[in-house]
Amino acid sequence: MLLWQAVATAAVAVVAGFWAGGDAAWSAVLGGTVNLAANAMYGFAYGLMRPTGPGGAVIAAVRAEASKILLVLLLLLAVVVLFRELVLAAFLATFILTALLFRLVLIVRD
């Protein structure tokens, strides 16, 4: 899943770079990185918990999802505040694409 998101991030960054220059490429990279980091956080947080039984697994998943959402909000805020040359279209396009890929990978199995 993270590999698909990384490839999509790189592809959008290349297109954004040709379309609007270096700032757009970096904006796309940051948009994808927000979701990559958040999904890695989800896996890490879920892996730290040792659920026992189905109820424990649900609680662990909810806690991991909460940590993921918190990280997404913090990273989005950090990017918007700190990266003054942000190209919003490239940033949001990559952010949304990688978020949708996360859901798609859950639906499509190898």
PDB file of N, CA and C in Angstrom:
ATOM      1  N   MET A   1       0.821  -1.175   0.000  1.00  0.00           N
ATOM      2  CA  MET A   1       0.000   0.000   0.000  1.00  0.00           C
ATOM      3  C   MET A   1       0.875   1.251   0.000  1.00  0.00           C
ATOM      4  N   LEU A   2       1.879   1.290   0.846  1.00  0.00           N
ATOM      5  CA  LEU A   2       2.753   2.457   0.886  1.00  0.00           C
ATOM      6  C   LEU A   2       3.520   2.608  -0.421  1.00  0.00           C
ATOM      7  N   LEU A   3       3.847   1.489  -1.052  1.00  0.00           N
ATOM      8  CA  LEU A   3       4.545   1.555  -2.338  1.00  0.00           C
ATOM      9  C   LEU A   3       3.666   2.218  -3.394  1.00  0.00           C
ATOM     10  N   TRP A   4       2.398   1.842  -3.467  1.00  0.00           N
ATOM     11  CA  TRP A   4       1.478   2.466  -4.433  1.00  0.00           C
ATOM     12  C   TRP A   4       1.384   3.963  -4.184  1.00  0.00           C
ATOM     13  N   GLN A   5       1.301   4.342  -2.923  1.00  0.00           N
ATOM     14  CA  GLN A   5       1.200   5.761  -2.595  1.00  0.00           C
ATOM     15  C   GLN A   5       2.485   6.504  -2.954  1.00  0.00           C
ATOM     16  N   ALA A   6       3.625   5.875  -2.736  1.00  0.00           N
ATOM     17  CA  ALA A   6       4.897   6.512  -3.079  1.00  0.00           C
ATOM     18  C   ALA A   6       5.035   6.685  -4.586  1.00  0.00           C
ATOM     19  N   VAL A   7       4.637   5.672  -5.344  1.00  0.00           N
ATOM     20  CA  VAL A   7       4.701   5.766  -6.807  1.00  0.00           C
ATOM     21  C   VAL A   7       3.754   6.853  -7.309  1.00  0.00           C
ATOM     22  N   ALA A   8       2.547   6.900  -6.774  1.00  0.00           N
ATOM     23  CA  ALA A   8       1.585   7.935  -7.179  1.00  0.00           C
ATOM     24  C   ALA A   8       2.106   9.322  -6.825  1.00  0.00           C
ATOM     25  N   THR A   9       2.723   9.457  -5.671  1.00  0.00           N
ATOM     26  CA  THR A   9       3.289  10.741  -5.256  1.00  0.00           C
ATOM     27  C   THR A   9       4.381  11.179  -6.221  1.00  0.00           C
ATOM     28  N   ALA A  10       5.267  10.259  -6.571  1.00  0.00           N
ATOM     29  CA  ALA A  10       6.347  10.590  -7.505  1.00  0.00           C
ATOM     30  C   ALA A  10       5.795  10.973  -8.874  1.00  0.00           C
ATOM     31  N   ALA A  11       4.792  10.231  -9.348  1.00  0.00           N
ATOM     32  CA  ALA A  11       4.214  10.524 -10.665  1.00  0.00           C
ATOM     33  C   ALA A  11       3.559  11.902 -10.687  1.00  0.00           C
ATOM     34  N   VAL A  12       2.788  12.220  -9.666  1.00  0.00           N
ATOM     35  CA  VAL A  12       2.137  13.531  -9.620  1.00  0.00           C
ATOM     36  C   VAL A  12       3.181  14.631  -9.464  1.00  0.00           C
ATOM     37  N   ALA A  13       4.239  14.375  -8.715  1.00  0.00           N
ATOM     38  CA  ALA A  13       5.295  15.376  -8.548  1.00  0.00           C
ATOM     39  C   ALA A  13       5.976  15.685  -9.876  1.00  0.00           C
ATOM     40  N   VAL A  14       6.217  14.659 -10.683  1.00  0.00           N
ATOM     41  CA  VAL A  14       6.831  14.878 -12.000  1.00  0.00           C
ATOM     42  C   VAL A  14       5.903  15.704 -12.881  1.00  0.00           C
ATOM     43  N   VAL A  15       4.637  15.324 -12.927  1.00  0.00           N
ATOM     44  CA  VAL A  15       3.665  16.069 -13.740  1.00  0.00           C
ATOM     45  C   VAL A  15       3.540  17.506 -13.234  1.00  0.00           C
ATOM     46  N   ALA A  16       3.446  17.675 -11.928  1.00  0.00           N
ATOM     47  CA  ALA A  16       3.321  19.022 -11.356  1.00  0.00           C
ATOM     48  C   ALA A  16       4.565  19.853 -11.632  1.00  0.00           C
ATOM     49  N   GLY A  17       5.726  19.207 -11.605  1.00  0.00           N
ATOM     50  CA  GLY A  17       6.961  19.918 -11.895  1.00  0.00           C
ATOM     51  C   GLY A  17       6.994  20.454 -13.313  1.00  0.00           C
ATOM     52  N   PHE A  18       6.564  19.641 -14.271  1.00  0.00           N
ATOM     53  CA  PHE A  18       6.499  20.103 -15.664  1.00  0.00           C
ATOM     54  C   PHE A  18       5.408  21.152 -15.845  1.00  0.00           C
ATOM     55  N   TRP A  19       4.316  20.980 -15.128  1.00  0.00           N
ATOM     56  CA  TRP A  19       3.158  21.866 -15.267  1.00  0.00           C
ATOM     57  C   TRP A  19       3.414  23.243 -14.667  1.00  0.00           C
ATOM     58  N   ALA A  20       3.953  23.273 -13.438  1.00  0.00           N
ATOM     59  CA  ALA A  20       4.049  24.556 -12.738  1.00  0.00           C
ATOM     60  C   ALA A  20       5.389  24.802 -12.051  1.00  0.00           C
ATOM     61  N   GLY A  21       6.378  23.972 -12.294  1.00  0.00           N
ATOM     62  CA  GLY A  21       7.700  24.239 -11.741  1.00  0.00           C
ATOM     63  C   GLY A  21       8.014  23.490 -10.456  1.00  0.00           C
ATOM     64  N   GLY A  22       9.159  23.843  -9.901  1.00  0.00           N
ATOM     65  CA  GLY A  22       9.687  23.148  -8.736  1.00  0.00           C
ATOM     66  C   GLY A  22       8.828  23.244  -7.491  1.00  0.00           C
ATOM     67  N   ASP A  23       8.242  24.406  -7.253  1.00  0.00           N
ATOM     68  CA  ASP A  23       7.385  24.544  -6.067  1.00  0.00           C
ATOM     69  C   ASP A  23       6.173  23.619  -6.140  1.00  0.00           C
ATOM     70  N   ALA A  24       5.632  23.445  -7.338  1.00  0.00           N
ATOM     71  CA  ALA A  24       4.495  22.533  -7.509  1.00  0.00           C
ATOM     72  C   ALA A  24       4.931  21.091  -7.276  1.00  0.00           C
ATOM     73  N   ALA A  25       6.127  20.746  -7.751  1.00  0.00           N
ATOM     74  CA  ALA A  25       6.630  19.388  -7.537  1.00  0.00           C
ATOM     75  C   ALA A  25       6.816  19.116  -6.045  1.00  0.00           C
ATOM     76  N   TRP A  26       7.417  20.070  -5.328  1.00  0.00           N
ATOM     77  CA  TRP A  26       7.591  19.901  -3.889  1.00  0.00           C
ATOM     78  C   TRP A  26       6.257  19.867  -3.165  1.00  0.00           C
ATOM     79  N   SER A  27       5.310  20.644  -3.623  1.00  0.00           N
ATOM     80  CA  SER A  27       3.973  20.634  -3.022  1.00  0.00           C
ATOM     81  C   SER A  27       3.328  19.264  -3.182  1.00  0.00           C
ATOM     82  N   ALA A  28       3.489  18.670  -4.361  1.00  0.00           N
ATOM     83  CA  ALA A  28       2.945  17.331  -4.598  1.00  0.00           C
ATOM     84  C   ALA A  28       3.627  16.298  -3.708  1.00  0.00           C
ATOM     85  N   VAL A  29       4.934  16.406  -3.581  1.00  0.00           N
ATOM     86  CA  VAL A  29       5.665  15.481  -2.707  1.00  0.00           C
ATOM     87  C   VAL A  29       5.168  15.601  -1.265  1.00  0.00           C
ATOM     88  N   LEU A  30       4.976  16.822  -0.813  1.00  0.00           N
ATOM     89  CA  LEU A  30       4.483  17.021   0.554  1.00  0.00           C
ATOM     90  C   LEU A  30       3.064  16.485   0.728  1.00  0.00           C
ATOM     91  N   GLY A  31       2.217  16.663  -0.277  1.00  0.00           N
ATOM     92  CA  GLY A  31       0.857  16.142  -0.202  1.00  0.00           C
ATOM     93  C   GLY A  31       0.826  14.632  -0.062  1.00  0.00           C
ATOM     94  N   GLY A  32       1.661  13.954  -0.823  1.00  0.00           N
ATOM     95  CA  GLY A  32       1.730  12.503  -0.719  1.00  0.00           C
ATOM     96  C   GLY A  32       2.396  12.038   0.561  1.00  0.00           C
ATOM     97  N   THR A  33       3.399  12.788   1.000  1.00  0.00           N
ATOM     98  CA  THR A  33       4.127  12.415   2.208  1.00  0.00           C
ATOM     99  C   THR A  33       3.247  12.481   3.449  1.00  0.00           C
ATOM    100  N   VAL A  34       2.302  13.391   3.468  1.00  0.00           N
ATOM    101  CA  VAL A  34       1.377  13.476   4.607  1.00  0.00           C
ATOM    102  C   VAL A  34       0.659  12.138   4.780  1.00  0.00           C
ATOM    103  N   ASN A  35       0.126  11.591   3.695  1.00  0.00           N
ATOM    104  CA  ASN A  35      -0.587  10.311   3.798  1.00  0.00           C
ATOM    105  C   ASN A  35       0.361   9.139   4.013  1.00  0.00           C
ATOM    106  N   LEU A  36       1.530   9.175   3.397  1.00  0.00           N
ATOM    107  CA  LEU A  36       2.499   8.101   3.624  1.00  0.00           C
ATOM    108  C   LEU A  36       2.881   8.027   5.100  1.00  0.00           C
ATOM    109  N   ALA A  37       3.188   9.169   5.682  1.00  0.00           N
ATOM    110  CA  ALA A  37       3.568   9.206   7.096  1.00  0.00           C
ATOM    111  C   ALA A  37       2.408   8.772   7.991  1.00  0.00           C
ATOM    112  N   ALA A  38       1.211   9.218   7.658  1.00  0.00           N
ATOM    113  CA  ALA A  38       0.045   8.865   8.476  1.00  0.00           C
ATOM    114  C   ALA A  38      -0.256   7.371   8.405  1.00  0.00           C
ATOM    115  N   ASN A  39      -0.140   6.783   7.229  1.00  0.00           N
ATOM    116  CA  ASN A  39      -0.395   5.350   7.106  1.00  0.00           C
ATOM    117  C   ASN A  39       0.697   4.529   7.782  1.00  0.00           C
ATOM    118  N   ALA A  40       1.926   5.014   7.730  1.00  0.00           N
ATOM    119  CA  ALA A  40       3.000   4.347   8.465  1.00  0.00           C
ATOM    120  C   ALA A  40       2.736   4.437   9.969  1.00  0.00           C
ATOM    121  N   MET A  41       2.243   5.588  10.417  1.00  0.00           N
ATOM    122  CA  MET A  41       1.893   5.768  11.832  1.00  0.00           C
ATOM    123  C   MET A  41       0.791   4.792  12.245  1.00  0.00           C
ATOM    124  N   TYR A  42      -0.199   4.610  11.373  1.00  0.00           N
ATOM    125  CA  TYR A  42      -1.286   3.671  11.656  1.00  0.00           C
ATOM    126  C   TYR A  42      -0.716   2.267  11.884  1.00  0.00           C
ATOM    127  N   GLY A  43       0.127   1.824  10.963  1.00  0.00           N
ATOM    128  CA  GLY A  43       0.721   0.496  11.094  1.00  0.00           C
ATOM    129  C   GLY A  43       1.567   0.360  12.347  1.00  0.00           C
ATOM    130  N   PHE A  44       2.344   1.391  12.641  1.00  0.00           N
ATOM    131  CA  PHE A  44       3.184   1.384  13.831  1.00  0.00           C
ATOM    132  C   PHE A  44       2.331   1.353  15.097  1.00  0.00           C
ATOM    133  N   ALA A  45       1.330   2.219  15.159  1.00  0.00           N
ATOM    134  CA  ALA A  45       0.473   2.296  16.349  1.00  0.00           C
ATOM    135  C   ALA A  45      -0.298   0.994  16.557  1.00  0.00           C
ATOM    136  N   TYR A  46      -0.814   0.416  15.475  1.00  0.00           N
ATOM    137  CA  TYR A  46      -1.554  -0.841  15.598  1.00  0.00           C
ATOM    138  C   TYR A  46      -0.612  -1.966  16.024  1.00  0.00           C
ATOM    139  N   GLY A  47       0.606  -1.933  15.497  1.00  0.00           N
ATOM    140  CA  GLY A  47       1.581  -2.961  15.840  1.00  0.00           C
ATOM    141  C   GLY A  47       2.018  -2.917  17.299  1.00  0.00           C
ATOM    142  N   LEU A  48       1.967  -1.744  17.913  1.00  0.00           N
ATOM    143  CA  LEU A  48       2.350  -1.626  19.321  1.00  0.00           C
ATOM    144  C   LEU A  48       1.331  -2.265  20.253  1.00  0.00           C
ATOM    145  N   MET A  49       0.081  -2.297  19.829  1.00  0.00           N
ATOM    146  CA  MET A  49      -0.984  -2.833  20.676  1.00  0.00           C
ATOM    147  C   MET A  49      -1.077  -4.346  20.491  1.00  0.00           C
ATOM    148  N   ARG A  50      -1.405  -5.015  21.547  1.00  0.00           N
ATOM    149  CA  ARG A  50      -1.565  -6.467  21.506  1.00  0.00           C
ATOM    150  C   ARG A  50      -3.025  -6.812  21.776  1.00  0.00           C
ATOM    151  N   PRO A  51      -3.873  -6.699  20.739  1.00  0.00           N
ATOM    152  CA  PRO A  51      -5.297  -6.950  20.979  1.00  0.00           C
ATOM    153  C   PRO A  51      -5.563  -8.413  21.306  1.00  0.00           C
ATOM    154  N   THR A  52      -6.500  -8.606  22.221  1.00  0.00           N
ATOM    155  CA  THR A  52      -6.934  -9.959  22.550  1.00  0.00           C
ATOM    156  C   THR A  52      -8.410 -10.057  22.224  1.00  0.00           C
ATOM    157  N   GLY A  53      -8.719 -10.868  21.273  1.00  0.00           N
ATOM    158  CA  GLY A  53     -10.106 -11.048  20.867  1.00  0.00           C
ATOM    159  C   GLY A  53     -10.572  -9.994  19.886  1.00  0.00           C
ATOM    160  N   PRO A  54     -11.770 -10.187  19.354  1.00  0.00           N
ATOM    161  CA  PRO A  54     -12.298  -9.268  18.348  1.00  0.00           C
ATOM    162  C   PRO A  54     -12.518  -7.855  18.878  1.00  0.00           C
ATOM    163  N   GLY A  55     -12.993  -7.730  20.099  1.00  0.00           N
ATOM    164  CA  GLY A  55     -13.212  -6.402  20.671  1.00  0.00           C
ATOM    165  C   GLY A  55     -11.910  -5.638  20.827  1.00  0.00           C
ATOM    166  N   GLY A  56     -10.876  -6.333  21.241  1.00  0.00           N
ATOM    167  CA  GLY A  56      -9.566  -5.706  21.387  1.00  0.00           C
ATOM    168  C   GLY A  56      -8.995  -5.263  20.056  1.00  0.00           C
ATOM    169  N   ALA A  57      -9.244  -6.055  19.018  1.00  0.00           N
ATOM    170  CA  ALA A  57      -8.770  -5.683  17.683  1.00  0.00           C
ATOM    171  C   ALA A  57      -9.462  -4.419  17.186  1.00  0.00           C
ATOM    172  N   VAL A  58     -10.753  -4.309  17.463  1.00  0.00           N
ATOM    173  CA  VAL A  58     -11.497  -3.111  17.047  1.00  0.00           C
ATOM    174  C   VAL A  58     -10.988  -1.892  17.804  1.00  0.00           C
ATOM    175  N   ILE A  59     -10.777  -2.034  19.093  1.00  0.00           N
ATOM    176  CA  ILE A  59     -10.272  -0.917  19.894  1.00  0.00           C
ATOM    177  C   ILE A  59      -8.884  -0.505  19.413  1.00  0.00           C
ATOM    178  N   ALA A  60      -8.031  -1.476  19.121  1.00  0.00           N
ATOM    179  CA  ALA A  60      -6.690  -1.167  18.622  1.00  0.00           C
ATOM    180  C   ALA A  60      -6.766  -0.440  17.283  1.00  0.00           C
ATOM    181  N   ALA A  61      -7.661  -0.881  16.406  1.00  0.00           N
ATOM    182  CA  ALA A  61      -7.807  -0.232  15.100  1.00  0.00           C
ATOM    183  C   ALA A  61      -8.322   1.197  15.247  1.00  0.00           C
ATOM    184  N   VAL A  62      -9.258   1.404  16.155  1.00  0.00           N
ATOM    185  CA  VAL A  62      -9.798   2.756  16.373  1.00  0.00           C
ATOM    186  C   VAL A  62      -8.719   3.671  16.947  1.00  0.00           C
ATOM    187  N   ARG A  63      -7.938   3.181  17.878  1.00  0.00           N
ATOM    188  CA  ARG A  63      -6.852   3.993  18.444  1.00  0.00           C
ATOM    189  C   ARG A  63      -5.801   4.312  17.385  1.00  0.00           C
ATOM    190  N   ALA A  64      -5.462   3.329  16.575  1.00  0.00           N
ATOM    191  CA  ALA A  64      -4.484   3.566  15.509  1.00  0.00           C
ATOM    192  C   ALA A  64      -5.024   4.573  14.501  1.00  0.00           C
ATOM    193  N   GLU A  65      -6.301   4.470  14.169  1.00  0.00           N
ATOM    194  CA  GLU A  65      -6.920   5.426  13.238  1.00  0.00           C
ATOM    195  C   GLU A  65      -6.947   6.829  13.837  1.00  0.00           C
ATOM    196  N   ALA A  66      -7.190   6.936  15.124  1.00  0.00           N
ATOM    197  CA  ALA A  66      -7.180   8.247  15.784  1.00  0.00           C
ATOM    198  C   ALA A  66      -5.790   8.873  15.721  1.00  0.00           C
ATOM    199  N   SER A  67      -4.755   8.067  15.920  1.00  0.00           N
ATOM    200  CA  SER A  67      -3.393   8.603  15.828  1.00  0.00           C
ATOM    201  C   SER A  67      -3.075   9.022  14.399  1.00  0.00           C
ATOM    202  N   LYS A  68      -3.593   8.288  13.439  1.00  0.00           N
ATOM    203  CA  LYS A  68      -3.397   8.632  12.027  1.00  0.00           C
ATOM    204  C   LYS A  68      -4.077   9.965  11.699  1.00  0.00           C
ATOM    205  N   ILE A  69      -5.304  10.133  12.133  1.00  0.00           N
ATOM    206  CA  ILE A  69      -6.043  11.373  11.859  1.00  0.00           C
ATOM    207  C   ILE A  69      -5.349  12.562  12.513  1.00  0.00           C
ATOM    208  N   LEU A  70      -4.896  12.397  13.738  1.00  0.00           N
ATOM    209  CA  LEU A  70      -4.187  13.475  14.427  1.00  0.00           C
ATOM    210  C   LEU A  70      -2.916  13.854  13.672  1.00  0.00           C
ATOM    211  N   LEU A  71      -2.168  12.857  13.211  1.00  0.00           N
ATOM    212  CA  LEU A  71      -0.944  13.144  12.464  1.00  0.00           C
ATOM    213  C   LEU A  71      -1.252  13.846  11.147  1.00  0.00           C
ATOM    214  N   VAL A  72      -2.305  13.429  10.451  1.00  0.00           N
ATOM    215  CA  VAL A  72      -2.696  14.097   9.202  1.00  0.00           C
ATOM    216  C   VAL A  72      -2.990  15.567   9.466  1.00  0.00           C
ATOM    217  N   LEU A  73      -3.768  15.850  10.491  1.00  0.00           N
ATOM    218  CA  LEU A  73      -4.111  17.241  10.803  1.00  0.00           C
ATOM    219  C   LEU A  73      -2.871  18.065  11.140  1.00  0.00           C
ATOM    220  N   LEU A  74      -1.980  17.500  11.940  1.00  0.00           N
ATOM    221  CA  LEU A  74      -0.761  18.221  12.307  1.00  0.00           C
ATOM    222  C   LEU A  74       0.136  18.465  11.097  1.00  0.00           C
ATOM    223  N   LEU A  75       0.284  17.458  10.247  1.00  0.00           N
ATOM    224  CA  LEU A  75       1.140  17.619   9.068  1.00  0.00           C
ATOM    225  C   LEU A  75       0.536  18.586   8.055  1.00  0.00           C
ATOM    226  N   LEU A  76      -0.773  18.521   7.852  1.00  0.00           N
ATOM    227  CA  LEU A  76      -1.418  19.481   6.948  1.00  0.00           C
ATOM    228  C   LEU A  76      -1.204  20.904   7.442  1.00  0.00           C
ATOM    229  N   LEU A  77      -1.400  21.111   8.724  1.00  0.00           N
ATOM    230  CA  LEU A  77      -1.192  22.438   9.300  1.00  0.00           C
ATOM    231  C   LEU A  77       0.263  22.878   9.151  1.00  0.00           C
ATOM    232  N   ALA A  78       1.186  21.977   9.428  1.00  0.00           N
ATOM    233  CA  ALA A  78       2.608  22.314   9.321  1.00  0.00           C
ATOM    234  C   ALA A  78       2.985  22.701   7.894  1.00  0.00           C
ATOM    235  N   VAL A  79       2.513  21.948   6.913  1.00  0.00           N
ATOM    236  CA  VAL A  79       2.842  22.251   5.521  1.00  0.00           C
ATOM    237  C   VAL A  79       2.263  23.596   5.114  1.00  0.00           C
ATOM    238  N   VAL A  80       1.007  23.829   5.438  1.00  0.00           N
ATOM    239  CA  VAL A  80       0.357  25.083   5.034  1.00  0.00           C
ATOM    240  C   VAL A  80       1.026  26.286   5.702  1.00  0.00           C
ATOM    241  N   VAL A  81       1.434  26.138   6.946  1.00  0.00           N
ATOM    242  CA  VAL A  81       2.042  27.257   7.669  1.00  0.00           C
ATOM    243  C   VAL A  81       3.504  27.466   7.266  1.00  0.00           C
ATOM    244  N   LEU A  82       4.252  26.388   7.097  1.00  0.00           N
ATOM    245  CA  LEU A  82       5.695  26.509   6.910  1.00  0.00           C
ATOM    246  C   LEU A  82       6.152  26.634   5.460  1.00  0.00           C
ATOM    247  N   PHE A  83       5.410  26.093   4.511  1.00  0.00           N
ATOM    248  CA  PHE A  83       5.849  26.119   3.110  1.00  0.00           C
ATOM    249  C   PHE A  83       5.129  27.254   2.400  1.00  0.00           C
ATOM    250  N   ARG A  84       5.771  28.389   2.367  1.00  0.00           N
ATOM    251  CA  ARG A  84       5.154  29.611   1.830  1.00  0.00           C
ATOM    252  C   ARG A  84       4.873  29.524   0.334  1.00  0.00           C
ATOM    253  N   GLU A  85       5.657  28.753  -0.403  1.00  0.00           N
ATOM    254  CA  GLU A  85       5.494  28.653  -1.856  1.00  0.00           C
ATOM    255  C   GLU A  85       4.571  27.500  -2.246  1.00  0.00           C
ATOM    256  N   LEU A  86       3.724  27.083  -1.342  1.00  0.00           N
ATOM    257  CA  LEU A  86       2.841  25.944  -1.569  1.00  0.00           C
ATOM    258  C   LEU A  86       1.941  26.178  -2.783  1.00  0.00           C
ATOM    259  N   VAL A  87       1.933  25.200  -3.686  1.00  0.00           N
ATOM    260  CA  VAL A  87       1.004  25.212  -4.820  1.00  0.00           C
ATOM    261  C   VAL A  87      -0.153  24.310  -4.395  1.00  0.00           C
ATOM    262  N   LEU A  88      -1.236  24.941  -4.000  1.00  0.00           N
ATOM    263  CA  LEU A  88      -2.345  24.231  -3.366  1.00  0.00           C
ATOM    264  C   LEU A  88      -2.936  23.140  -4.256  1.00  0.00           C
ATOM    265  N   ALA A  89      -3.043  23.392  -5.553  1.00  0.00           N
ATOM    266  CA  ALA A  89      -3.627  22.394  -6.461  1.00  0.00           C
ATOM    267  C   ALA A  89      -2.797  21.113  -6.469  1.00  0.00           C
ATOM    268  N   ALA A  90      -1.490  21.229  -6.574  1.00  0.00           N
ATOM    269  CA  ALA A  90      -0.622  20.050  -6.592  1.00  0.00           C
ATOM    270  C   ALA A  90      -0.636  19.347  -5.242  1.00  0.00           C
ATOM    271  N   PHE A  91      -0.606  20.125  -4.181  1.00  0.00           N
ATOM    272  CA  PHE A  91      -0.614  19.566  -2.832  1.00  0.00           C
ATOM    273  C   PHE A  91      -1.891  18.775  -2.568  1.00  0.00           C
ATOM    274  N   LEU A  92      -3.031  19.395  -2.824  1.00  0.00           N
ATOM    275  CA  LEU A  92      -4.311  18.732  -2.562  1.00  0.00           C
ATOM    276  C   LEU A  92      -4.561  17.561  -3.507  1.00  0.00           C
ATOM    277  N   ALA A  93      -4.157  17.698  -4.772  1.00  0.00           N
ATOM    278  CA  ALA A  93      -4.353  16.599  -5.724  1.00  0.00           C
ATOM    279  C   ALA A  93      -3.621  15.348  -5.261  1.00  0.00           C
ATOM    280  N   THR A  94      -2.382  15.507  -4.836  1.00  0.00           N
ATOM    281  CA  THR A  94      -1.614  14.349  -4.386  1.00  0.00           C
ATOM    282  C   THR A  94      -2.142  13.823  -3.059  1.00  0.00           C
ATOM    283  N   PHE A  95      -2.509  14.721  -2.171  1.00  0.00           N
ATOM    284  CA  PHE A  95      -3.063  14.302  -0.883  1.00  0.00           C
ATOM    285  C   PHE A  95      -4.328  13.471  -1.086  1.00  0.00           C
ATOM    286  N   ILE A  96      -5.229  13.956  -1.914  1.00  0.00           N
ATOM    287  CA  ILE A  96      -6.493  13.249  -2.163  1.00  0.00           C
ATOM    288  C   ILE A  96      -6.247  11.934  -2.895  1.00  0.00           C
ATOM    289  N   LEU A  97      -5.363  11.952  -3.896  1.00  0.00           N
ATOM    290  CA  LEU A  97      -5.063  10.726  -4.647  1.00  0.00           C
ATOM    291  C   LEU A  97      -4.506   9.645  -3.734  1.00  0.00           C
ATOM    292  N   THR A  98      -3.543   9.997  -2.889  1.00  0.00           N
ATOM    293  CA  THR A  98      -2.963   8.984  -2.013  1.00  0.00           C
ATOM    294  C   THR A  98      -3.959   8.512  -0.954  1.00  0.00           C
ATOM    295  N   ALA A  99      -4.858   9.384  -0.529  1.00  0.00           N
ATOM    296  CA  ALA A  99      -5.906   8.963   0.412  1.00  0.00           C
ATOM    297  C   ALA A  99      -6.855   7.967  -0.257  1.00  0.00           C
ATOM    298  N   LEU A 100      -7.205   8.225  -1.510  1.00  0.00           N
ATOM    299  CA  LEU A 100      -8.084   7.312  -2.238  1.00  0.00           C
ATOM    300  C   LEU A 100      -7.383   5.992  -2.549  1.00  0.00           C
ATOM    301  N   LEU A 101      -6.089   6.045  -2.833  1.00  0.00           N
ATOM    302  CA  LEU A 101      -5.345   4.811  -3.090  1.00  0.00           C
ATOM    303  C   LEU A 101      -5.344   3.909  -1.867  1.00  0.00           C
ATOM    304  N   PHE A 102      -5.283   4.502  -0.688  1.00  0.00           N
ATOM    305  CA  PHE A 102      -5.338   3.714   0.541  1.00  0.00           C
ATOM    306  C   PHE A 102      -6.618   2.890   0.581  1.00  0.00           C
ATOM    307  N   ARG A 103      -7.731   3.502   0.237  1.00  0.00           N
ATOM    308  CA  ARG A 103      -9.013   2.792   0.231  1.00  0.00           C
ATOM    309  C   ARG A 103      -9.063   1.755  -0.890  1.00  0.00           C
ATOM    310  N   LEU A 104      -8.515   2.093  -2.047  1.00  0.00           N
ATOM    311  CA  LEU A 104      -8.528   1.189  -3.194  1.00  0.00           C
ATOM    312  C   LEU A 104      -7.731  -0.077  -2.906  1.00  0.00           C
ATOM    313  N   VAL A 105      -6.602   0.075  -2.260  1.00  0.00           N
ATOM    314  CA  VAL A 105      -5.773  -1.087  -1.948  1.00  0.00           C
ATOM    315  C   VAL A 105      -6.506  -2.021  -0.995  1.00  0.00           C
ATOM    316  N   LEU A 106      -7.332  -1.462  -0.122  1.00  0.00           N
ATOM    317  CA  LEU A 106      -8.109  -2.313   0.777  1.00  0.00           C
ATOM    318  C   LEU A 106      -9.177  -3.102   0.028  1.00  0.00           C
ATOM    319  N   ILE A 107      -9.667  -2.546  -1.080  1.00  0.00           N
ATOM    320  CA  ILE A 107     -10.714  -3.208  -1.864  1.00  0.00           C
ATOM    321  C   ILE A 107     -10.114  -4.225  -2.830  1.00  0.00           C
ATOM    322  N   VAL A 108      -9.051  -3.829  -3.530  1.00  0.00           N
ATOM    323  CA  VAL A 108      -8.424  -4.672  -4.552  1.00  0.00           C
ATOM    324  C   VAL A 108      -7.335  -5.502  -3.894  1.00  0.00           C
ATOM    325  N   ARG A 109      -7.462  -6.774  -3.960  1.00  0.00           N
ATOM    326  CA  ARG A 109      -6.469  -7.693  -3.386  1.00  0.00           C
ATOM    327  C   ARG A 109      -5.697  -8.358  -4.518  1.00  0.00           C
ATOM    328  N   ASP A 110      -4.440  -8.714  -4.220  1.00  0.00           N
ATOM    329  CA  ASP A 110      -3.623  -9.420  -5.223  1.00  0.00           C
ATOM    330  C   ASP A 110      -4.097 -10.834  -5.416  1.00  0.00           C
TER     331      ASP A 110
END
